[in-house]
Amino acid sequence: MAKDPVCGMEVDEQKAAAKAEYKGQTYYFCAPGCKVAFEKDPEKYLQSQGGEHHHHH
């Protein structure tokens, strides 16, 4: 299983609605909208993977 970096859901790589490559890593998404959000600001989502809450600025 992979983790959707945008919404945090567990996504089955075989059934992922969307996937994106970034810096040599492949990320899987539960929905195309999550991929769109990720590609707009990938660093934002990757930095927040520390069990922190998302801060909206």
N, C-alpha and C. Protein backbone atom coordinates (compact mmCIF):
# COMPACT_ATOMS: atom_id res chain seq x y z
N MET A 1 0.84 -1.20 0.00
CA MET A 1 0.00 0.00 0.00
C MET A 1 0.88 1.25 0.00
N ALA A 2 0.33 2.29 -0.57
CA ALA A 2 1.02 3.57 -0.59
C ALA A 2 0.14 4.58 0.13
N LYS A 3 0.77 5.68 0.54
CA LYS A 3 -0.01 6.71 1.24
C LYS A 3 -0.18 7.92 0.34
N ASP A 4 -1.42 8.34 0.20
CA ASP A 4 -1.70 9.56 -0.56
C ASP A 4 -1.10 10.72 0.24
N PRO A 5 -0.10 11.43 -0.32
CA PRO A 5 0.55 12.48 0.46
C PRO A 5 -0.35 13.68 0.72
N VAL A 6 -1.41 13.81 -0.05
CA VAL A 6 -2.29 14.97 0.10
C VAL A 6 -3.30 14.76 1.22
N CYS A 7 -4.02 13.64 1.16
CA CYS A 7 -5.09 13.45 2.15
C CYS A 7 -4.72 12.43 3.21
N GLY A 8 -3.61 11.70 2.99
CA GLY A 8 -3.16 10.76 4.01
C GLY A 8 -3.83 9.39 3.95
N MET A 9 -4.68 9.17 2.97
CA MET A 9 -5.35 7.88 2.84
C MET A 9 -4.39 6.81 2.35
N GLU A 10 -4.65 5.58 2.74
CA GLU A 10 -3.90 4.45 2.20
C GLU A 10 -4.47 4.15 0.82
N VAL A 11 -3.59 4.03 -0.16
CA VAL A 11 -4.03 3.78 -1.53
C VAL A 11 -3.34 2.53 -2.05
N ASP A 12 -4.12 1.66 -2.67
CA ASP A 12 -3.56 0.46 -3.29
C ASP A 12 -2.90 0.89 -4.60
N GLU A 13 -1.62 0.59 -4.76
CA GLU A 13 -0.90 1.01 -5.96
C GLU A 13 -1.59 0.51 -7.24
N GLN A 14 -2.20 -0.68 -7.15
CA GLN A 14 -2.84 -1.25 -8.32
C GLN A 14 -4.13 -0.52 -8.69
N LYS A 15 -4.74 0.10 -7.71
CA LYS A 15 -6.05 0.71 -7.95
C LYS A 15 -6.03 2.22 -7.79
N ALA A 16 -4.85 2.79 -7.65
CA ALA A 16 -4.77 4.24 -7.44
C ALA A 16 -5.42 4.99 -8.60
N ALA A 17 -6.18 6.02 -8.26
CA ALA A 17 -6.87 6.81 -9.29
C ALA A 17 -5.87 7.65 -10.08
N ALA A 18 -4.75 7.99 -9.42
CA ALA A 18 -3.76 8.83 -10.09
C ALA A 18 -2.41 8.60 -9.44
N LYS A 19 -1.35 8.87 -10.20
CA LYS A 19 -0.02 8.81 -9.60
C LYS A 19 0.85 9.87 -10.23
N ALA A 20 1.85 10.28 -9.48
CA ALA A 20 2.75 11.32 -9.96
C ALA A 20 4.17 10.97 -9.53
N GLU A 21 5.12 11.36 -10.35
CA GLU A 21 6.51 11.17 -9.98
C GLU A 21 7.09 12.51 -9.58
N TYR A 22 7.87 12.50 -8.51
CA TYR A 22 8.49 13.72 -8.04
C TYR A 22 9.84 13.35 -7.44
N LYS A 23 10.89 13.96 -7.98
CA LYS A 23 12.25 13.70 -7.49
C LYS A 23 12.55 12.20 -7.42
N GLY A 24 12.13 11.46 -8.44
CA GLY A 24 12.46 10.04 -8.51
C GLY A 24 11.57 9.14 -7.68
N GLN A 25 10.64 9.71 -6.92
CA GLN A 25 9.71 8.91 -6.13
C GLN A 25 8.36 8.90 -6.82
N THR A 26 7.65 7.81 -6.71
CA THR A 26 6.31 7.76 -7.26
C THR A 26 5.31 7.87 -6.12
N TYR A 27 4.36 8.76 -6.27
CA TYR A 27 3.32 8.96 -5.26
C TYR A 27 1.99 8.55 -5.84
N TYR A 28 1.16 7.92 -5.02
CA TYR A 28 -0.14 7.44 -5.47
C TYR A 28 -1.24 8.22 -4.78
N PHE A 29 -2.34 8.42 -5.52
CA PHE A 29 -3.42 9.26 -5.01
C PHE A 29 -4.76 8.55 -5.10
N CYS A 30 -5.64 8.87 -4.15
CA CYS A 30 -6.95 8.23 -4.11
C CYS A 30 -7.88 8.84 -5.14
N ALA A 31 -7.55 10.04 -5.60
CA ALA A 31 -8.41 10.73 -6.55
C ALA A 31 -7.58 11.69 -7.40
N PRO A 32 -8.01 11.96 -8.62
CA PRO A 32 -7.24 12.87 -9.48
C PRO A 32 -7.05 14.24 -8.86
N GLY A 33 -8.02 14.69 -8.07
CA GLY A 33 -7.89 16.00 -7.44
C GLY A 33 -6.71 16.07 -6.49
N CYS A 34 -6.40 14.95 -5.84
CA CYS A 34 -5.25 14.93 -4.93
C CYS A 34 -3.96 15.11 -5.71
N LYS A 35 -3.89 14.50 -6.89
CA LYS A 35 -2.69 14.64 -7.71
C LYS A 35 -2.52 16.09 -8.15
N VAL A 36 -3.62 16.72 -8.54
CA VAL A 36 -3.58 18.11 -8.98
C VAL A 36 -3.04 18.99 -7.85
N ALA A 37 -3.57 18.77 -6.65
CA ALA A 37 -3.13 19.56 -5.50
C ALA A 37 -1.65 19.32 -5.22
N PHE A 38 -1.24 18.05 -5.29
CA PHE A 38 0.16 17.71 -5.03
C PHE A 38 1.09 18.40 -6.04
N GLU A 39 0.70 18.36 -7.31
CA GLU A 39 1.59 18.91 -8.33
C GLU A 39 1.67 20.43 -8.26
N LYS A 40 0.64 21.07 -7.69
CA LYS A 40 0.69 22.52 -7.53
C LYS A 40 1.73 22.90 -6.50
N ASP A 41 1.84 22.11 -5.43
CA ASP A 41 2.74 22.49 -4.33
C ASP A 41 3.26 21.25 -3.62
N PRO A 42 4.07 20.44 -4.33
CA PRO A 42 4.50 19.15 -3.74
C PRO A 42 5.25 19.30 -2.43
N GLU A 43 6.09 20.32 -2.31
CA GLU A 43 6.89 20.46 -1.10
C GLU A 43 6.00 20.62 0.13
N LYS A 44 4.91 21.32 -0.04
CA LYS A 44 3.99 21.56 1.07
C LYS A 44 3.51 20.23 1.66
N TYR A 45 3.16 19.30 0.76
CA TYR A 45 2.62 18.03 1.24
C TYR A 45 3.71 17.11 1.77
N LEU A 46 4.90 17.18 1.19
CA LEU A 46 5.96 16.29 1.64
C LEU A 46 6.52 16.74 2.99
N GLN A 47 6.55 18.03 3.23
CA GLN A 47 7.06 18.51 4.51
C GLN A 47 6.12 18.17 5.65
N SER A 48 4.83 18.06 5.34
CA SER A 48 3.86 17.89 6.42
C SER A 48 3.74 16.44 6.87
N GLN A 49 4.57 15.54 6.32
CA GLN A 49 4.49 14.15 6.73
C GLN A 49 5.29 13.92 8.00
N GLY A 50 4.85 14.49 9.10
CA GLY A 50 5.55 14.25 10.34
C GLY A 50 4.54 14.11 11.46
N GLY A 51 3.33 13.69 11.11
CA GLY A 51 2.31 13.56 12.11
C GLY A 51 1.79 14.91 12.58
N GLU A 52 2.19 15.96 11.87
CA GLU A 52 1.71 17.29 12.23
C GLU A 52 0.34 17.53 11.61
N HIS A 53 -0.35 18.51 12.15
CA HIS A 53 -1.62 18.89 11.54
C HIS A 53 -1.30 19.85 10.40
N HIS A 54 -2.16 19.85 9.39
CA HIS A 54 -1.95 20.76 8.27
C HIS A 54 -2.30 22.17 8.72
N HIS A 55 -1.40 23.09 8.42
CA HIS A 55 -1.67 24.48 8.76
C HIS A 55 -2.06 25.19 7.48
N HIS A 56 -3.20 25.82 7.48
CA HIS A 56 -3.63 26.57 6.30
C HIS A 56 -3.21 28.01 6.47
N HIS A 57 -2.46 28.50 5.51
CA HIS A 57 -2.00 29.89 5.59
C HIS A 57 -2.92 30.76 4.75
